[in-house]
């Protein structure tokens, strides 16, 4: 699962199961640090990256979540 714009990780609590592999991305290193502090789990990976310039190969993820990101990704 790719979680775009994870921020402080507030929504990660809704992801259940140790068998779910989560790649959480955000442009802000400060936000990622907060998310890492809350969810230091082996199945969670945190990456600082711009969601408008992804490096992942096609079909890398079964699911993508981009909750509350449109307002910041589509600004001029």
N, C-alpha and C. Protein backbone atom coordinates (compact mmCIF):
# COMPACT_ATOMS: atom_id res chain seq x y z
N UNK A 1 0.84 -1.16 0.00
CA UNK A 1 0.00 0.00 0.00
C UNK A 1 0.90 1.24 0.00
N UNK A 2 0.54 2.19 -0.84
CA UNK A 2 1.23 3.48 -0.87
C UNK A 2 0.33 4.50 -0.19
N UNK A 3 0.87 5.18 0.81
CA UNK A 3 0.11 6.22 1.50
C UNK A 3 0.77 7.55 1.15
N UNK A 4 0.11 8.32 0.29
CA UNK A 4 0.64 9.58 -0.21
C UNK A 4 0.27 10.71 0.75
N UNK A 5 1.24 11.54 1.08
CA UNK A 5 0.98 12.67 1.98
C UNK A 5 0.62 12.21 3.37
N UNK A 6 1.43 11.36 3.93
CA UNK A 6 1.12 10.74 5.22
C UNK A 6 1.14 11.75 6.37
N UNK A 7 1.83 12.86 6.20
CA UNK A 7 1.87 13.87 7.25
C UNK A 7 2.41 13.31 8.55
N UNK A 8 1.71 13.58 9.65
CA UNK A 8 2.16 13.11 10.96
C UNK A 8 1.74 11.67 11.24
N UNK A 9 1.07 11.03 10.29
CA UNK A 9 0.67 9.63 10.45
C UNK A 9 -0.65 9.43 11.15
N UNK A 10 -1.44 10.48 11.29
CA UNK A 10 -2.71 10.38 12.03
C UNK A 10 -3.63 9.29 11.47
N UNK A 11 -3.63 9.10 10.16
CA UNK A 11 -4.51 8.10 9.55
C UNK A 11 -3.94 6.69 9.53
N UNK A 12 -2.70 6.53 9.89
CA UNK A 12 -2.09 5.20 9.86
C UNK A 12 -2.72 4.26 10.89
N UNK A 13 -3.34 4.80 11.89
CA UNK A 13 -3.98 3.95 12.92
C UNK A 13 -5.12 3.12 12.34
N UNK A 14 -5.64 3.53 11.18
CA UNK A 14 -6.73 2.80 10.56
C UNK A 14 -6.25 1.61 9.73
N UNK A 15 -4.96 1.49 9.55
CA UNK A 15 -4.40 0.37 8.78
C UNK A 15 -4.11 -0.76 9.75
N UNK A 16 -4.81 -1.83 9.58
CA UNK A 16 -4.71 -2.97 10.50
C UNK A 16 -4.01 -4.15 9.84
N UNK A 17 -3.27 -4.86 10.62
CA UNK A 17 -2.66 -6.10 10.14
C UNK A 17 -1.18 -5.98 9.90
N UNK A 18 -0.45 -6.91 10.44
CA UNK A 18 1.00 -6.93 10.24
C UNK A 18 1.38 -7.44 8.86
N UNK A 19 0.42 -8.03 8.15
CA UNK A 19 0.70 -8.55 6.82
C UNK A 19 0.55 -7.48 5.75
N UNK A 20 0.18 -6.26 6.13
CA UNK A 20 0.04 -5.15 5.19
C UNK A 20 1.34 -4.37 5.17
N UNK A 21 1.95 -4.28 4.00
CA UNK A 21 3.17 -3.52 3.84
C UNK A 21 2.80 -2.10 3.40
N UNK A 22 3.26 -1.10 4.16
CA UNK A 22 2.89 0.28 3.90
C UNK A 22 4.13 1.10 3.57
N UNK A 23 4.08 1.78 2.43
CA UNK A 23 5.09 2.77 2.08
C UNK A 23 4.42 4.13 2.24
N UNK A 24 4.86 4.88 3.22
CA UNK A 24 4.27 6.17 3.54
C UNK A 24 5.20 7.27 3.05
N UNK A 25 4.67 8.17 2.22
CA UNK A 25 5.52 9.22 1.67
C UNK A 25 4.99 10.60 2.04
N UNK A 26 5.93 11.54 2.14
CA UNK A 26 5.58 12.93 2.37
C UNK A 26 6.76 13.79 1.94
N UNK A 27 6.48 15.01 1.59
CA UNK A 27 7.53 15.94 1.18
C UNK A 27 8.23 16.57 2.38
N UNK A 28 7.56 16.57 3.53
CA UNK A 28 8.09 17.23 4.73
C UNK A 28 8.83 16.25 5.63
N UNK A 29 10.12 16.45 5.82
CA UNK A 29 10.87 15.55 6.72
C UNK A 29 10.39 15.66 8.17
N UNK A 30 9.93 16.84 8.58
CA UNK A 30 9.43 17.02 9.94
C UNK A 30 8.17 16.19 10.16
N UNK A 31 7.28 16.18 9.18
CA UNK A 31 6.05 15.39 9.29
C UNK A 31 6.38 13.90 9.32
N UNK A 32 7.29 13.48 8.47
CA UNK A 32 7.68 12.06 8.43
C UNK A 32 8.29 11.62 9.77
N UNK A 33 9.09 12.49 10.37
CA UNK A 33 9.68 12.15 11.67
C UNK A 33 8.59 11.90 12.71
N UNK A 34 7.55 12.72 12.70
CA UNK A 34 6.44 12.54 13.64
C UNK A 34 5.71 11.22 13.38
N UNK A 35 5.50 10.90 12.10
CA UNK A 35 4.83 9.64 11.75
C UNK A 35 5.67 8.44 12.17
N UNK A 36 6.98 8.53 11.96
CA UNK A 36 7.89 7.44 12.34
C UNK A 36 7.87 7.20 13.84
N UNK A 37 7.80 8.28 14.61
CA UNK A 37 7.76 8.15 16.07
C UNK A 37 6.52 7.38 16.52
N UNK A 38 5.41 7.61 15.84
CA UNK A 38 4.15 6.96 16.20
C UNK A 38 4.09 5.51 15.73
N UNK A 39 4.67 5.25 14.55
CA UNK A 39 4.52 3.93 13.92
C UNK A 39 5.87 3.37 13.49
N UNK A 40 6.68 3.04 14.45
CA UNK A 40 7.97 2.42 14.18
C UNK A 40 7.76 0.91 14.10
N UNK A 41 7.17 0.48 12.99
CA UNK A 41 6.83 -0.93 12.79
C UNK A 41 7.59 -1.48 11.59
N UNK A 42 7.90 -2.78 11.60
CA UNK A 42 8.68 -3.36 10.49
C UNK A 42 7.97 -3.34 9.15
N UNK A 43 6.64 -3.27 9.14
CA UNK A 43 5.91 -3.29 7.87
C UNK A 43 5.62 -1.88 7.35
N UNK A 44 6.14 -0.83 8.02
CA UNK A 44 5.97 0.55 7.58
C UNK A 44 7.32 1.11 7.13
N UNK A 45 7.33 1.68 5.93
CA UNK A 45 8.51 2.34 5.39
C UNK A 45 8.13 3.80 5.12
N UNK A 46 8.99 4.72 5.55
CA UNK A 46 8.73 6.15 5.38
C UNK A 46 9.77 6.74 4.44
N UNK A 47 9.29 7.46 3.42
CA UNK A 47 10.19 8.02 2.41
C UNK A 47 9.84 9.48 2.17
N UNK A 48 10.87 10.34 2.20
CA UNK A 48 10.69 11.74 1.85
C UNK A 48 10.75 11.86 0.32
N UNK A 49 9.63 12.22 -0.27
CA UNK A 49 9.56 12.30 -1.73
C UNK A 49 8.38 13.19 -2.13
N UNK A 50 8.51 13.83 -3.26
CA UNK A 50 7.43 14.65 -3.82
C UNK A 50 6.45 13.73 -4.53
N UNK A 51 5.20 13.77 -4.14
CA UNK A 51 4.18 12.89 -4.72
C UNK A 51 3.93 13.18 -6.19
N UNK A 52 4.38 14.33 -6.66
CA UNK A 52 4.22 14.67 -8.07
C UNK A 52 5.39 14.17 -8.92
N UNK A 53 6.34 13.51 -8.28
CA UNK A 53 7.52 12.99 -8.98
C UNK A 53 7.91 11.64 -8.39
N UNK A 54 7.00 10.68 -8.47
CA UNK A 54 7.21 9.37 -7.86
C UNK A 54 8.26 8.55 -8.60
N UNK A 55 8.97 7.73 -7.87
CA UNK A 55 10.05 6.91 -8.43
C UNK A 55 9.69 5.43 -8.52
N UNK A 56 8.48 5.09 -8.12
CA UNK A 56 8.09 3.69 -8.06
C UNK A 56 7.71 3.17 -9.45
N UNK A 57 8.01 1.90 -9.68
CA UNK A 57 7.65 1.31 -10.96
C UNK A 57 6.14 1.06 -11.01
N UNK A 58 5.59 1.00 -12.22
CA UNK A 58 4.15 0.74 -12.36
C UNK A 58 3.77 -0.57 -11.65
N UNK A 59 2.60 -0.59 -11.11
CA UNK A 59 2.04 -1.75 -10.43
C UNK A 59 2.83 -2.17 -9.19
N UNK A 60 3.50 -1.22 -8.55
CA UNK A 60 4.25 -1.51 -7.33
C UNK A 60 3.35 -1.71 -6.13
N UNK A 61 2.14 -1.14 -6.19
CA UNK A 61 1.24 -1.16 -5.04
C UNK A 61 -0.14 -1.68 -5.42
N UNK A 62 -0.76 -2.40 -4.50
CA UNK A 62 -2.13 -2.88 -4.70
C UNK A 62 -3.15 -1.79 -4.40
N UNK A 63 -2.75 -0.84 -3.55
CA UNK A 63 -3.67 0.22 -3.13
C UNK A 63 -2.88 1.50 -2.91
N UNK A 64 -3.54 2.63 -3.23
CA UNK A 64 -2.95 3.94 -2.97
C UNK A 64 -3.96 4.77 -2.21
N UNK A 65 -3.50 5.38 -1.12
CA UNK A 65 -4.34 6.29 -0.35
C UNK A 65 -3.70 7.67 -0.42
N UNK A 66 -4.51 8.65 -0.77
CA UNK A 66 -4.05 10.04 -0.85
C UNK A 66 -5.09 10.92 -0.17
N UNK A 67 -5.25 10.71 1.11
CA UNK A 67 -6.28 11.40 1.89
C UNK A 67 -5.88 12.85 2.14
N UNK A 68 -6.76 13.78 1.79
CA UNK A 68 -6.57 15.21 2.06
C UNK A 68 -5.31 15.79 1.43
N UNK A 69 -4.93 15.34 0.24
CA UNK A 69 -3.71 15.85 -0.39
C UNK A 69 -3.97 16.74 -1.61
N UNK A 70 -5.12 16.65 -2.21
CA UNK A 70 -5.42 17.42 -3.43
C UNK A 70 -5.20 18.91 -3.23
N UNK A 71 -5.61 19.44 -2.10
CA UNK A 71 -5.51 20.88 -1.87
C UNK A 71 -4.08 21.39 -1.85
N UNK A 72 -3.14 20.55 -1.49
CA UNK A 72 -1.74 21.00 -1.46
C UNK A 72 -0.96 20.57 -2.69
N UNK A 73 -1.39 19.53 -3.36
CA UNK A 73 -0.66 19.06 -4.55
C UNK A 73 -1.05 19.83 -5.80
N UNK A 74 -2.19 20.42 -5.82
CA UNK A 74 -2.67 21.09 -7.02
C UNK A 74 -2.62 22.61 -6.91
N UNK A 75 -1.87 23.11 -5.97
CA UNK A 75 -1.78 24.56 -5.84
C UNK A 75 -0.83 25.12 -6.90
N UNK A 76 -1.08 26.35 -7.36
CA UNK A 76 -0.23 26.95 -8.41
C UNK A 76 1.17 27.25 -7.96
